């Protein structure tokens, strides 16, 4: 999106676009959206399906998400991210 591109340009060379996209995908899940299809996740974050697929695949491989082949959902491991902050 144009807004994302402006953010990337303004942030400079230290900005990791892939990480920013990954965090957007994580934030797409919530109380009202505990499970998402790939298409629903891509629509929610306004990113290409291929980018969201790679992000979700990475989250699954790292244990932060799981899938039944159609629906994706975050796992309790995602709480370790919040826990790290709370313990700091």
N, C-alpha and C. Protein backbone atom coordinates (compact mmCIF):
# COMPACT_ATOMS: atom_id res chain seq x y z
N UNK A 1 0.84 -1.18 0.00
CA UNK A 1 0.00 0.00 0.00
C UNK A 1 0.88 1.25 0.00
N UNK A 2 0.30 2.35 -0.38
CA UNK A 2 1.06 3.60 -0.43
C UNK A 2 1.52 4.03 0.95
N UNK A 3 0.66 3.87 1.94
CA UNK A 3 1.03 4.26 3.31
C UNK A 3 2.21 3.45 3.80
N UNK A 4 2.20 2.16 3.51
CA UNK A 4 3.31 1.29 3.92
C UNK A 4 4.60 1.70 3.22
N UNK A 5 4.52 2.01 1.95
CA UNK A 5 5.71 2.41 1.19
C UNK A 5 6.29 3.70 1.75
N UNK A 6 5.43 4.67 2.10
CA UNK A 6 5.91 5.92 2.69
C UNK A 6 6.60 5.65 4.02
N UNK A 7 6.04 4.74 4.82
CA UNK A 7 6.64 4.39 6.10
C UNK A 7 8.03 3.79 5.90
N UNK A 8 8.15 2.88 4.95
CA UNK A 8 9.43 2.24 4.66
C UNK A 8 10.46 3.28 4.22
N UNK A 9 10.06 4.18 3.34
CA UNK A 9 10.98 5.21 2.85
C UNK A 9 11.40 6.15 3.96
N UNK A 10 10.48 6.52 4.84
CA UNK A 10 10.78 7.44 5.93
C UNK A 10 11.64 6.79 7.01
N UNK A 11 11.51 5.50 7.19
CA UNK A 11 12.21 4.80 8.27
C UNK A 11 13.69 4.61 7.97
N UNK A 12 14.04 4.53 6.72
CA UNK A 12 15.44 4.40 6.36
C UNK A 12 15.92 2.96 6.32
N UNK A 13 17.24 2.79 6.19
CA UNK A 13 17.81 1.46 5.95
C UNK A 13 17.73 0.50 7.13
N UNK A 14 17.44 1.01 8.32
CA UNK A 14 17.36 0.13 9.49
C UNK A 14 16.01 -0.56 9.62
N UNK A 15 15.05 -0.19 8.80
CA UNK A 15 13.70 -0.72 8.86
C UNK A 15 13.62 -2.08 8.18
N UNK A 16 13.10 -3.09 8.88
CA UNK A 16 12.92 -4.43 8.31
C UNK A 16 11.46 -4.58 7.89
N UNK A 17 11.23 -4.45 6.62
CA UNK A 17 9.87 -4.52 6.09
C UNK A 17 9.23 -5.88 6.36
N UNK A 18 9.99 -6.95 6.25
CA UNK A 18 9.44 -8.29 6.48
C UNK A 18 8.97 -8.45 7.93
N UNK A 19 9.73 -7.90 8.87
CA UNK A 19 9.31 -7.97 10.27
C UNK A 19 8.04 -7.17 10.48
N UNK A 20 7.97 -5.98 9.89
CA UNK A 20 6.78 -5.15 10.02
C UNK A 20 5.55 -5.86 9.46
N UNK A 21 5.71 -6.51 8.34
CA UNK A 21 4.59 -7.26 7.75
C UNK A 21 4.20 -8.43 8.64
N UNK A 22 5.19 -9.12 9.20
CA UNK A 22 4.91 -10.23 10.10
C UNK A 22 4.12 -9.79 11.33
N UNK A 23 4.50 -8.66 11.89
CA UNK A 23 3.78 -8.15 13.06
C UNK A 23 2.35 -7.76 12.69
N UNK A 24 2.17 -7.21 11.50
CA UNK A 24 0.80 -6.89 11.04
C UNK A 24 -0.04 -8.15 10.95
N UNK A 25 0.55 -9.24 10.46
CA UNK A 25 -0.20 -10.49 10.35
C UNK A 25 -0.57 -11.00 11.74
N UNK A 26 0.37 -10.96 12.68
CA UNK A 26 0.06 -11.38 14.05
C UNK A 26 -1.07 -10.54 14.62
N UNK A 27 -1.01 -9.24 14.41
CA UNK A 27 -2.04 -8.34 14.94
C UNK A 27 -3.40 -8.55 14.29
N UNK A 28 -3.45 -9.21 13.14
CA UNK A 28 -4.74 -9.47 12.47
C UNK A 28 -5.61 -10.42 13.28
N UNK A 29 -4.95 -11.27 14.08
CA UNK A 29 -5.70 -12.19 14.92
C UNK A 29 -6.16 -11.45 16.17
N UNK A 30 -7.28 -11.86 16.70
CA UNK A 30 -7.79 -11.22 17.91
C UNK A 30 -8.97 -11.98 18.45
N UNK A 31 -9.60 -11.38 19.43
CA UNK A 31 -10.74 -12.02 20.08
C UNK A 31 -11.83 -12.39 19.08
N UNK A 32 -12.08 -11.51 18.12
CA UNK A 32 -13.13 -11.76 17.13
C UNK A 32 -12.62 -12.54 15.93
N UNK A 33 -11.29 -12.70 15.83
CA UNK A 33 -10.71 -13.41 14.69
C UNK A 33 -9.63 -14.37 15.20
N UNK A 34 -10.07 -15.40 15.89
CA UNK A 34 -9.11 -16.37 16.44
C UNK A 34 -8.52 -17.27 15.36
N UNK A 35 -9.28 -17.49 14.30
CA UNK A 35 -8.83 -18.32 13.18
C UNK A 35 -9.06 -17.54 11.89
N UNK A 36 -8.11 -17.63 10.98
CA UNK A 36 -8.22 -16.94 9.71
C UNK A 36 -7.77 -17.85 8.58
N UNK A 37 -8.44 -17.75 7.46
CA UNK A 37 -7.92 -18.38 6.25
C UNK A 37 -6.81 -17.48 5.71
N UNK A 38 -6.04 -17.99 4.79
CA UNK A 38 -5.00 -17.19 4.15
C UNK A 38 -5.62 -15.96 3.49
N UNK A 39 -6.71 -16.15 2.79
CA UNK A 39 -7.38 -15.03 2.11
C UNK A 39 -7.87 -13.98 3.09
N UNK A 40 -8.49 -14.42 4.19
CA UNK A 40 -8.98 -13.48 5.19
C UNK A 40 -7.85 -12.71 5.84
N UNK A 41 -6.74 -13.38 6.12
CA UNK A 41 -5.59 -12.72 6.72
C UNK A 41 -5.02 -11.68 5.75
N UNK A 42 -4.91 -12.03 4.48
CA UNK A 42 -4.37 -11.10 3.49
C UNK A 42 -5.27 -9.87 3.36
N UNK A 43 -6.58 -10.08 3.38
CA UNK A 43 -7.51 -8.95 3.32
C UNK A 43 -7.40 -8.08 4.57
N UNK A 44 -7.27 -8.71 5.72
CA UNK A 44 -7.23 -7.98 6.99
C UNK A 44 -6.02 -7.05 7.08
N UNK A 45 -4.91 -7.48 6.50
CA UNK A 45 -3.69 -6.67 6.60
C UNK A 45 -3.34 -5.95 5.30
N UNK A 46 -4.17 -6.14 4.27
CA UNK A 46 -3.98 -5.48 2.99
C UNK A 46 -2.59 -5.75 2.42
N UNK A 47 -2.24 -7.03 2.39
CA UNK A 47 -0.97 -7.46 1.82
C UNK A 47 -1.23 -8.57 0.81
N UNK A 48 -0.30 -8.78 -0.11
CA UNK A 48 -0.46 -9.87 -1.08
C UNK A 48 -0.53 -11.23 -0.38
N UNK A 49 -1.34 -12.11 -0.94
CA UNK A 49 -1.48 -13.46 -0.37
C UNK A 49 -0.13 -14.16 -0.24
N UNK A 50 0.75 -13.99 -1.22
CA UNK A 50 2.05 -14.66 -1.18
C UNK A 50 2.86 -14.21 0.03
N UNK A 51 2.84 -12.93 0.33
CA UNK A 51 3.56 -12.42 1.51
C UNK A 51 2.98 -12.97 2.80
N UNK A 52 1.66 -12.99 2.87
CA UNK A 52 0.99 -13.49 4.07
C UNK A 52 1.21 -14.99 4.21
N UNK A 53 1.20 -15.71 3.09
CA UNK A 53 1.46 -17.16 3.14
C UNK A 53 2.85 -17.44 3.69
N UNK A 54 3.84 -16.70 3.23
CA UNK A 54 5.20 -16.89 3.73
C UNK A 54 5.30 -16.54 5.21
N UNK A 55 4.64 -15.47 5.60
CA UNK A 55 4.64 -15.08 7.01
C UNK A 55 4.00 -16.14 7.88
N UNK A 56 2.83 -16.61 7.48
CA UNK A 56 2.13 -17.63 8.27
C UNK A 56 2.91 -18.93 8.30
N UNK A 57 3.53 -19.29 7.18
CA UNK A 57 4.34 -20.49 7.13
C UNK A 57 5.51 -20.39 8.11
N UNK A 58 6.13 -19.24 8.16
CA UNK A 58 7.24 -19.01 9.10
C UNK A 58 6.76 -19.10 10.53
N UNK A 59 5.60 -18.47 10.82
CA UNK A 59 5.05 -18.53 12.18
C UNK A 59 4.72 -19.97 12.58
N UNK A 60 4.21 -20.76 11.65
CA UNK A 60 3.92 -22.17 11.92
C UNK A 60 5.22 -22.92 12.19
N UNK A 61 6.23 -22.72 11.37
CA UNK A 61 7.51 -23.41 11.55
C UNK A 61 8.17 -23.06 12.88
N UNK A 62 7.96 -21.83 13.35
CA UNK A 62 8.55 -21.39 14.62
C UNK A 62 7.68 -21.74 15.83
N UNK A 63 6.48 -22.27 15.57
CA UNK A 63 5.61 -22.67 16.67
C UNK A 63 4.70 -21.58 17.19
N UNK A 64 4.66 -20.42 16.53
CA UNK A 64 3.80 -19.32 16.97
C UNK A 64 2.39 -19.41 16.39
N UNK A 65 2.22 -20.27 15.41
CA UNK A 65 0.90 -20.48 14.79
C UNK A 65 0.78 -21.94 14.41
N UNK A 66 -0.46 -22.35 14.13
CA UNK A 66 -0.72 -23.70 13.64
C UNK A 66 -1.81 -23.61 12.59
N UNK A 67 -1.89 -24.67 11.80
CA UNK A 67 -2.89 -24.70 10.75
C UNK A 67 -3.41 -26.11 10.56
N UNK A 68 -4.64 -26.18 10.09
CA UNK A 68 -5.21 -27.48 9.73
C UNK A 68 -5.17 -27.64 8.22
N UNK A 69 -4.45 -26.75 7.55
CA UNK A 69 -4.37 -26.76 6.09
C UNK A 69 -5.24 -25.70 5.46
N UNK A 70 -6.22 -25.22 6.19
CA UNK A 70 -7.12 -24.17 5.69
C UNK A 70 -7.15 -22.98 6.63
N UNK A 71 -7.34 -23.24 7.91
CA UNK A 71 -7.41 -22.17 8.90
C UNK A 71 -6.11 -22.06 9.68
N UNK A 72 -5.72 -20.83 9.96
CA UNK A 72 -4.55 -20.56 10.78
C UNK A 72 -4.99 -19.97 12.10
N UNK A 73 -4.26 -20.29 13.16
CA UNK A 73 -4.54 -19.70 14.48
C UNK A 73 -3.22 -19.59 15.22
N UNK A 74 -3.14 -18.59 16.08
CA UNK A 74 -1.94 -18.43 16.89
C UNK A 74 -1.93 -19.48 17.98
N UNK A 75 -0.74 -19.84 18.42
CA UNK A 75 -0.60 -20.80 19.52
C UNK A 75 -0.26 -20.05 20.80
N UNK A 76 -0.36 -20.71 21.94
CA UNK A 76 0.01 -20.05 23.19
C UNK A 76 1.46 -19.55 23.21
N UNK A 77 2.30 -20.10 22.34
CA UNK A 77 3.70 -19.64 22.30
C UNK A 77 3.79 -18.15 21.99
N UNK A 78 2.80 -17.60 21.31
CA UNK A 78 2.82 -16.17 20.96
C UNK A 78 2.87 -15.33 22.25
N UNK A 79 2.37 -15.89 23.34
CA UNK A 79 2.40 -15.16 24.62
C UNK A 79 3.81 -14.95 25.15
N UNK A 80 4.77 -15.73 24.66
CA UNK A 80 6.16 -15.52 25.10
C UNK A 80 6.67 -14.16 24.67
N UNK A 81 6.12 -13.62 23.60
CA UNK A 81 6.52 -12.28 23.16
C UNK A 81 6.08 -11.24 24.18
N UNK A 82 4.85 -11.36 24.66
CA UNK A 82 4.36 -10.43 25.68
C UNK A 82 5.07 -10.68 27.00
N UNK A 83 5.31 -11.92 27.30
CA UNK A 83 5.97 -12.28 28.55
C UNK A 83 7.36 -11.67 28.62
N UNK A 84 8.09 -11.68 27.52
CA UNK A 84 9.42 -11.08 27.49
C UNK A 84 9.36 -9.61 27.84
N UNK A 85 8.37 -8.93 27.32
CA UNK A 85 8.20 -7.50 27.62
C UNK A 85 7.85 -7.30 29.09
N UNK A 86 6.91 -8.08 29.58
CA UNK A 86 6.45 -7.92 30.96
C UNK A 86 7.54 -8.22 31.97
N UNK A 87 8.45 -9.11 31.63
CA UNK A 87 9.53 -9.47 32.54
C UNK A 87 10.69 -8.48 32.49
N UNK A 88 10.73 -7.65 31.46
CA UNK A 88 11.84 -6.72 31.31
C UNK A 88 11.74 -5.55 32.30
